[in-house]
Amino acid sequence: MAEPTGRPKKAAGPKASGKPAPARASRKPAATRASGKSAANTASGKPAARKASGKSAPARASGRSSALNARAQAGQPAVLTGESPVPGAMAADDGGASPQVRSRLDVRKTYKLFIGGAFPRSESGRSYPVATPGGTLLAHAARASRKDARDAVVAARKAGPGWAGATAYNRGQVLYRVAELLQGRAAQFAGEIVENEGLSAPKAARAVADAIDRWVWYAGWPDKVAQVAGAANPVAGPYFNFSVPEPTGVVAVLAPPESSLLGLVSVLAPVIATGNTVVVVASEHAPLPAVTLAEVLATSDVPAGVVNILTGRLAELAPVLAAHMDVNAIDLTGAPADTRAELERLAAGNVKRVFAAEEDWAAPPSPARMLAFLEIKTVWHPVGV
C-alpha cells in the first residue's frame, strides 16, 4: 500500500532501530515520563544518583539557611561564606525578624586649609587641637605656616584681575548664591558655634541667621557702591572730571576671635563685594565655622583664589601678611591691641592700607568696610572730544 502523502518518510526509523528519539526542548524525555519527575528536575542536569540518596536541591539549601539562623540567634552578623560585612548594611533571618543594623565607624572630618579653590593640608604637616570652652577636644585643625600664607597670597593675586574685571551685577549674583548655600547649612553652622564658642542653641541659631542676612545685605552692594563712592566733580576749565572707585587688590583679613561666623562674614563679605581678593586668618580658637564656610565657597560660583582661608596661630601668620610686599591692604580687626602697632610698622614697608575697628557684630552694618578697601581713580576728559 502506498504511504499517505504529507507524512515524513523517516518517522518509523527509530522504532526499527530500537533507539529512543533524541530529547528535544519542546518534548518530555522518555525517562521523565517513566519516573514521574518534573521536567525541571531533568533539565537541571543532576546525576541519577540523587534519586538514590533521597535528597533534593531544596533540602541542601535549607541546611545553609539553618546555619544563618543559628548565627542570627547567637548574635553574630548573618554573613554568607566569602562575603565581608558592609558597615551600615541590614541583615534579616529567614523567619522575617526585624532587620539588624550593623555597627559602623563615623567618618571623621579633616579640617584643612582653603587655598586657590583647593583644600590642602599645611605644607609643614602640622595641626593643632581645637577644643570647647570647657576643654573638650573637638578636632585637629591644620596649622598654616608662613609658606602657606605666601601660597595664599599668590592664589589671591592670580584671581584678582578676573574678579575685579567681572561686572558689578555679576559679583552681586555670585555673592547671593553664597547666601543661598549658607542657609542650606544653617543647622551645621549652628551646631559648630554651640560646640566651638559655647553659645546656647537659640543664640547660635540667631548668630547664623544674622550672618546670612548680612551676606545678603552685602550682595546687594556691588552695583551700587560706585554711585555712593564715585562722583562727577566740577572743575574750572573745559574738562569733565570723574572720581571712580576701584578695588585695592589683595587684602589680608585677621578675623575677630570672638565671633567665628557672624564676625567672619562681617569682615569678609565687604572686601570681596568691591572686587578685592582676600587672605583670611580665621579665629584661632574657633576655626570650625570658617572651614565650613570655605566648603560653601568652594561649591558656590566664587572663582578659585578669590577667598583663601588659613587656620593656625595668629601670632605666626599676621606678621608674614603684614610685611608681605604683594599684599595691598590689611584689616587688623582680629589682632590683639598690643600687637597692632608692630603690625602697622610692618605694613608701612609697601604703604599698605591699614584698617582696624572695634565693632558690635550684632549692630546693623554700614558701607564703611567696603569704602576702606577702595582706591579712588580720578579721570579727566576734555569737553567736546
Protein backbone atom coordinates (compact mmCIF):
# COMPACT_ATOMS: atom_id res chain seq x y z
CA MET A 1 0.00 0.00 0.00
CA ALA A 2 1.28 3.45 -0.78
CA GLU A 3 2.19 5.74 2.16
CA PRO A 4 -0.18 8.65 2.82
CA THR A 5 1.09 11.88 1.46
CA GLY A 6 2.27 14.51 3.88
CA ARG A 7 3.99 12.19 6.41
CA PRO A 8 7.80 12.13 6.71
CA LYS A 9 9.39 9.03 5.34
CA LYS A 10 11.88 8.71 8.28
CA ALA A 11 9.26 8.71 11.06
CA ALA A 12 9.48 4.93 11.52
CA GLY A 13 13.27 4.86 11.52
CA PRO A 14 13.82 4.98 15.28
CA LYS A 15 11.33 2.27 16.00
CA ALA A 16 13.05 -0.08 13.62
CA SER A 17 16.47 0.55 15.19
CA GLY A 18 15.26 0.27 18.78
CA LYS A 19 16.90 3.59 19.80
CA PRO A 20 14.86 6.34 21.53
CA ALA A 21 14.33 9.63 19.77
CA PRO A 22 16.76 12.35 20.86
CA ALA A 23 15.50 14.63 23.64
CA ARG A 24 14.18 17.93 22.43
CA ALA A 25 13.43 21.08 24.36
CA SER A 26 9.79 21.00 23.24
CA ARG A 27 9.14 17.35 24.39
CA LYS A 28 9.46 15.44 27.62
CA PRO A 29 12.18 12.80 27.50
CA ALA A 30 11.07 9.21 27.88
CA ALA A 31 12.97 8.84 31.16
CA THR A 32 10.96 11.72 32.65
CA ARG A 33 7.67 10.11 31.74
CA ALA A 34 8.74 6.84 33.26
CA SER A 35 9.96 8.22 36.61
CA GLY A 36 7.11 10.72 37.06
CA LYS A 37 9.50 13.59 37.91
CA SER A 38 9.01 17.08 36.56
CA ALA A 39 10.88 18.35 33.55
CA ALA A 40 12.56 20.94 35.73
CA ASN A 41 14.46 18.28 37.67
CA THR A 42 15.55 16.56 34.47
CA ALA A 43 16.64 19.80 32.83
CA SER A 44 18.85 20.68 35.80
CA GLY A 45 21.36 18.11 34.68
CA LYS A 46 21.75 16.46 38.14
CA PRO A 47 23.00 12.82 38.06
CA ALA A 48 20.70 9.90 38.68
CA ALA A 49 22.49 9.15 41.95
CA ARG A 50 20.41 11.89 43.60
CA LYS A 51 17.33 9.65 43.33
CA ALA A 52 19.02 7.01 45.41
CA SER A 53 20.23 9.44 48.08
CA GLY A 54 16.73 10.80 48.68
CA LYS A 55 17.93 14.42 48.80
CA SER A 56 16.68 17.19 46.60
CA ALA A 57 18.06 20.64 45.79
CA PRO A 58 15.77 22.44 48.27
CA ALA A 59 16.93 20.14 51.07
CA ARG A 60 20.55 21.21 50.61
CA ALA A 61 19.64 24.92 50.57
CA SER A 62 17.74 24.55 53.83
CA GLY A 63 20.93 23.42 55.56
CA ARG A 64 22.56 26.74 54.67
CA SER A 65 19.54 28.67 55.91
CA SER A 66 19.71 26.79 59.20
CA ALA A 67 23.32 27.90 59.59
CA LEU A 68 22.30 31.51 59.03
CA ASN A 69 19.50 31.18 61.59
CA ALA A 70 21.92 29.76 64.11
CA ARG A 71 24.33 32.68 63.57
CA ALA A 72 21.50 35.18 63.98
CA GLN A 73 20.32 33.57 67.24
CA ALA A 74 23.89 33.69 68.55
CA GLY A 75 24.04 37.44 67.88
CA GLN A 76 26.55 37.11 65.07
CA PRO A 77 26.16 39.04 61.78
CA ALA A 78 24.40 37.00 59.11
CA VAL A 79 27.16 36.92 56.50
CA LEU A 80 27.46 34.21 53.87
CA THR A 81 30.75 32.46 53.26
CA GLY A 82 33.01 34.52 51.04
CA GLU A 83 31.27 37.84 51.83
CA SER A 84 32.56 40.60 54.05
CA PRO A 85 30.27 42.63 56.28
CA VAL A 86 29.44 46.08 54.95
CA PRO A 87 29.14 48.82 57.59
CA GLY A 88 25.61 50.10 57.86
CA ALA A 89 24.09 47.16 55.93
CA MET A 90 20.88 45.43 57.00
CA ALA A 91 20.59 41.70 57.76
CA ALA A 92 17.43 39.65 58.41
CA ASP A 93 16.90 35.93 59.09
CA ASP A 94 14.63 33.66 57.11
CA GLY A 95 11.89 33.91 59.69
CA GLY A 96 11.16 37.55 58.82
CA ALA A 97 12.60 39.00 62.04
CA SER A 98 13.28 42.72 62.32
CA PRO A 99 16.45 43.86 60.49
CA GLN A 100 19.66 44.28 62.47
CA VAL A 101 21.82 47.40 61.90
CA ARG A 102 25.48 46.59 61.83
CA SER A 103 27.73 48.95 63.75
CA ARG A 104 29.97 51.35 61.78
CA LEU A 105 32.61 53.95 62.48
CA ASP A 106 31.86 57.63 62.00
CA VAL A 107 33.55 59.39 59.11
CA ARG A 108 35.74 61.88 60.95
CA LYS A 109 36.07 65.26 59.30
CA THR A 110 39.52 66.54 58.34
CA TYR A 111 39.80 70.31 58.74
CA LYS A 112 42.16 71.64 56.08
CA LEU A 113 43.21 74.98 54.63
CA PHE A 114 41.44 76.63 51.70
CA ILE A 115 43.90 78.00 49.12
CA GLY A 116 43.24 78.63 45.45
CA GLY A 117 39.94 76.78 45.49
CA ALA A 118 41.52 73.59 46.89
CA PHE A 119 41.77 72.09 50.37
CA PRO A 120 45.43 71.32 51.04
CA ARG A 121 46.95 70.29 54.32
CA SER A 122 49.60 72.56 55.74
CA GLU A 123 52.86 72.15 53.88
CA SER A 124 54.54 71.68 57.26
CA GLY A 125 52.19 68.83 58.15
CA ARG A 126 51.32 70.48 61.45
CA SER A 127 47.95 70.68 63.18
CA TYR A 128 46.70 72.00 66.49
CA PRO A 129 43.86 70.93 68.81
CA VAL A 130 40.55 72.78 68.78
CA ALA A 131 38.54 72.44 71.98
CA THR A 132 35.31 73.62 73.53
CA PRO A 133 35.42 76.44 76.12
CA GLY A 134 35.33 73.66 78.71
CA GLY A 135 38.43 71.98 77.29
CA THR A 136 36.82 69.04 75.45
CA LEU A 137 38.67 68.18 72.26
CA LEU A 138 36.62 68.78 69.10
CA ALA A 139 39.07 68.37 66.23
CA HIS A 140 42.58 68.99 64.99
CA ALA A 141 42.75 71.92 62.56
CA ALA A 142 45.56 72.47 60.06
CA ARG A 143 48.22 74.83 61.37
CA ALA A 144 49.22 77.02 58.45
CA SER A 145 52.85 78.01 58.04
CA ARG A 146 54.50 81.07 56.53
CA LYS A 147 54.81 79.14 53.27
CA ASP A 148 51.05 78.52 53.28
CA ALA A 149 50.47 82.26 53.79
CA ARG A 150 52.69 83.09 50.81
CA ASP A 151 50.91 80.49 48.67
CA ALA A 152 47.56 82.05 49.60
CA VAL A 153 48.78 85.49 48.51
CA VAL A 154 49.92 84.07 45.17
CA ALA A 155 46.50 82.48 44.63
CA ALA A 156 44.72 85.72 45.56
CA ARG A 157 46.90 87.76 43.19
CA LYS A 158 46.24 85.34 40.34
CA ALA A 159 42.47 85.56 40.83
CA GLY A 160 42.46 89.35 41.16
CA PRO A 161 42.12 90.51 37.53
CA GLY A 162 39.23 88.18 36.73
CA TRP A 163 37.26 89.06 39.87
CA ALA A 164 37.87 92.81 39.59
CA GLY A 165 37.05 92.70 35.88
CA ALA A 166 33.69 91.00 36.39
CA THR A 167 30.66 93.22 36.17
CA ALA A 168 29.30 94.52 39.44
CA TYR A 169 25.96 92.88 38.71
CA ASN A 170 27.67 89.50 38.26
CA ARG A 171 29.56 89.84 41.55
CA GLY A 172 26.27 90.54 43.30
CA GLN A 173 24.74 87.39 41.82
CA VAL A 174 27.72 85.31 42.93
CA LEU A 175 27.51 86.63 46.49
CA TYR A 176 23.78 85.98 46.63
CA ARG A 177 24.43 82.37 45.64
CA VAL A 178 26.75 82.07 48.65
CA ALA A 179 23.90 83.25 50.89
CA GLU A 180 21.67 80.52 49.47
CA LEU A 181 24.24 77.86 50.37
CA LEU A 182 24.79 79.36 53.81
CA GLN A 183 21.10 78.98 54.51
CA GLY A 184 21.21 75.35 53.41
CA ARG A 185 23.89 74.64 56.03
CA ALA A 186 22.34 76.71 58.82
CA ALA A 187 21.95 73.72 61.15
CA GLN A 188 25.58 72.67 60.68
CA PHE A 189 26.86 76.18 61.39
CA ALA A 190 24.69 76.45 64.49
CA GLY A 191 25.99 73.15 65.83
CA GLU A 192 29.61 74.18 65.30
CA ILE A 193 29.03 77.53 67.02
CA VAL A 194 27.45 75.77 70.01
CA GLU A 195 30.46 73.48 70.32
CA ASN A 196 33.22 75.91 69.41
CA GLU A 197 32.01 79.10 71.13
CA GLY A 198 29.90 77.57 73.90
CA LEU A 199 26.76 79.55 73.00
CA SER A 200 23.29 78.21 73.67
CA ALA A 201 21.38 76.73 70.76
CA PRO A 202 18.98 79.72 70.39
CA LYS A 203 21.86 82.22 70.42
CA ALA A 204 23.81 80.16 67.89
CA ALA A 205 20.78 79.99 65.59
CA ARG A 206 20.37 83.76 65.90
CA ALA A 207 24.03 84.31 65.00
CA VAL A 208 23.71 82.12 61.90
CA ALA A 209 20.56 83.95 60.79
CA ASP A 210 22.28 87.32 61.25
CA ALA A 211 25.29 86.10 59.25
CA ILE A 212 23.07 85.03 56.35
CA ASP A 213 21.18 88.32 56.40
CA ARG A 214 24.44 90.25 56.45
CA TRP A 215 25.79 88.35 53.47
CA VAL A 216 22.60 89.15 51.54
CA TRP A 217 22.99 92.81 52.53
CA TYR A 218 26.50 92.97 51.08
CA ALA A 219 25.40 91.01 47.99
CA GLY A 220 23.21 93.96 47.06
CA TRP A 221 26.07 96.48 47.11
CA PRO A 222 28.43 95.67 44.20
CA ASP A 223 26.39 97.56 41.59
CA LYS A 224 25.61 100.47 43.93
CA VAL A 225 28.91 101.31 45.59
CA ALA A 226 30.14 103.28 42.58
CA GLN A 227 27.19 105.65 42.94
CA VAL A 228 28.00 106.17 46.63
CA ALA A 229 31.78 106.46 46.41
CA GLY A 230 32.09 107.93 42.89
CA ALA A 231 31.28 111.46 41.71
CA ALA A 232 31.34 113.87 38.80
CA ASN A 233 33.45 116.76 40.08
CA PRO A 234 33.02 120.40 38.94
CA VAL A 235 36.35 121.86 37.75
CA ALA A 236 37.43 125.21 36.31
CA GLY A 237 38.16 124.52 32.67
CA PRO A 238 36.81 122.70 29.62
CA TYR A 239 37.10 119.27 31.22
CA PHE A 240 34.98 116.52 32.72
CA ASN A 241 36.35 115.20 36.00
CA PHE A 242 35.16 111.87 37.41
CA SER A 243 36.00 110.01 40.63
CA VAL A 244 35.72 106.24 40.06
CA PRO A 245 36.18 103.63 42.85
CA GLU A 246 38.37 100.61 42.06
CA PRO A 247 39.46 97.56 44.10
CA THR A 248 42.62 97.89 46.17
CA GLY A 249 43.87 94.40 45.26
CA VAL A 250 44.90 91.66 47.68
CA VAL A 251 43.60 92.24 51.21
CA ALA A 252 44.72 90.32 54.31
CA VAL A 253 41.99 89.99 56.94
CA LEU A 254 42.51 88.93 60.55
CA ALA A 255 39.10 87.60 61.57
CA PRO A 256 37.70 88.50 65.00
CA PRO A 257 38.28 85.75 67.55
CA GLU A 258 35.03 86.15 69.50
CA SER A 259 32.53 85.70 66.63
CA SER A 260 33.51 82.76 64.49
CA LEU A 261 30.79 83.16 61.83
CA LEU A 262 28.97 86.49 62.11
CA GLY A 263 32.21 88.39 62.70
CA LEU A 264 33.94 86.48 59.90
CA VAL A 265 31.14 87.29 57.44
CA SER A 266 31.19 90.94 58.54
CA VAL A 267 34.88 91.36 57.65
CA LEU A 268 34.98 89.08 54.59
CA ALA A 269 31.89 89.98 52.56
CA PRO A 270 32.61 93.75 52.18
CA VAL A 271 36.13 93.05 50.91
CA ILE A 272 35.11 90.76 48.06
CA ALA A 273 31.91 92.68 47.25
CA THR A 274 34.02 95.54 45.91
CA GLY A 275 36.20 93.33 43.71
CA ASN A 276 39.14 92.62 46.01
CA THR A 277 40.61 89.19 46.69
CA VAL A 278 41.34 88.15 50.24
CA VAL A 279 43.51 86.02 52.50
CA VAL A 280 41.71 85.37 55.80
CA VAL A 281 43.28 84.20 59.03
CA ALA A 282 40.37 82.51 60.83
CA SER A 283 39.71 82.71 64.54
CA GLU A 284 42.45 80.72 66.22
CA HIS A 285 40.28 79.24 68.96
CA ALA A 286 37.07 78.78 66.94
CA PRO A 287 38.08 77.93 63.34
CA LEU A 288 35.48 75.25 62.58
CA PRO A 289 32.78 77.57 61.12
CA ALA A 290 35.45 79.18 58.93
CA VAL A 291 36.38 75.82 57.40
CA THR A 292 32.71 75.05 56.77
CA LEU A 293 32.34 78.47 55.15
CA ALA A 294 35.26 77.53 52.89
CA GLU A 295 33.31 74.45 51.82
CA VAL A 296 30.35 76.69 50.98
CA LEU A 297 32.57 78.99 48.91
CA ALA A 298 34.15 76.03 47.10
CA THR A 299 30.72 74.78 45.96
CA SER A 300 29.42 78.22 45.00
CA ASP A 301 30.22 80.39 41.98
CA VAL A 302 33.06 82.28 43.69
CA PRO A 303 36.15 81.80 41.46
CA ALA A 304 39.07 79.88 42.89
CA GLY A 305 41.55 82.10 44.70
CA VAL A 306 39.17 84.99 45.41
CA VAL A 307 38.87 83.82 49.03
CA ASN A 308 41.65 81.93 50.79
CA ILE A 309 41.20 80.82 54.42
CA LEU A 310 44.04 79.90 56.76
CA THR A 311 43.73 78.31 60.18
CA GLY A 312 46.55 78.40 62.68
CA ARG A 313 48.39 80.66 65.11
CA LEU A 314 47.62 84.35 64.61
CA ALA A 315 50.97 85.37 66.10
CA GLU A 316 52.74 83.34 63.41
CA LEU A 317 50.70 84.37 60.36
CA ALA A 318 49.84 88.04 60.99
CA PRO A 319 53.43 89.41 60.73
CA VAL A 320 54.00 87.49 57.48
CA LEU A 321 50.93 89.02 55.85
CA ALA A 322 51.59 92.49 57.25
CA ALA A 323 55.10 92.53 55.82
CA HIS A 324 54.25 90.81 52.51
CA MET A 325 55.11 93.13 49.62
CA ASP A 326 52.31 91.78 47.39
CA VAL A 327 49.52 92.45 49.92
CA ASN A 328 47.87 95.81 49.26
CA ALA A 329 45.82 96.23 52.45
CA ILE A 330 45.31 94.59 55.82
CA ASP A 331 42.40 94.51 58.26
CA LEU A 332 43.69 94.26 61.84
CA THR A 333 40.30 93.74 63.47
CA GLY A 334 41.22 90.34 64.89
CA ALA A 335 44.70 91.33 66.13
CA PRO A 336 45.21 91.94 69.86
CA ALA A 337 45.53 95.62 70.73
CA ASP A 338 49.10 95.24 71.99
CA THR A 339 50.29 93.83 68.62
CA ARG A 340 48.72 96.34 66.26
CA ALA A 341 51.50 98.92 66.45
CA GLU A 342 54.09 96.38 65.30
CA LEU A 343 51.81 95.12 62.52
CA GLU A 344 51.26 98.69 61.32
CA ARG A 345 55.03 99.22 61.25
CA LEU A 346 55.46 96.11 59.10
CA ALA A 347 52.61 97.19 56.82
CA ALA A 348 54.34 100.50 56.12
CA GLY A 349 57.00 98.67 54.11
CA ASN A 350 54.91 98.86 50.94
CA VAL A 351 52.47 101.58 52.10
CA LYS A 352 49.59 99.19 52.76
CA ARG A 353 46.15 100.42 53.61
CA VAL A 354 45.57 99.56 57.28
CA PHE A 355 42.10 99.27 58.76
CA ALA A 356 41.07 98.39 62.30
CA ALA A 357 37.77 98.95 64.05
CA GLU A 358 36.10 97.69 67.18
CA GLU A 359 32.55 96.76 66.30
CA ASP A 360 29.44 95.29 67.78
CA TRP A 361 28.73 92.49 65.32
CA ALA A 362 25.06 92.43 66.25
CA ALA A 363 24.67 96.08 65.21
CA PRO A 364 23.44 96.94 61.69
CA PRO A 365 26.27 97.08 59.11
CA SER A 366 27.43 100.15 57.24
CA PRO A 367 29.35 100.75 53.97
CA ALA A 368 32.46 101.83 55.91
CA ARG A 369 34.25 98.49 55.48
CA MET A 370 33.67 98.47 51.74
CA LEU A 371 34.93 102.02 51.31
CA ALA A 372 38.05 101.26 53.39
CA PHE A 373 39.37 98.92 50.67
CA LEU A 374 38.63 101.00 47.58
CA GLU A 375 41.01 103.21 45.62
CA ILE A 376 39.53 106.33 44.05
CA LYS A 377 40.71 106.90 40.49
CA THR A 378 40.33 110.42 39.06
CA VAL A 379 39.66 110.73 35.33
CA TRP A 380 39.97 113.95 33.33
CA HIS A 381 38.37 114.19 29.91
CA PRO A 382 38.22 117.22 27.59
CA VAL A 383 34.81 118.62 26.84
CA GLY A 384 33.69 118.15 23.24
CA VAL A 385 36.14 115.37 22.38
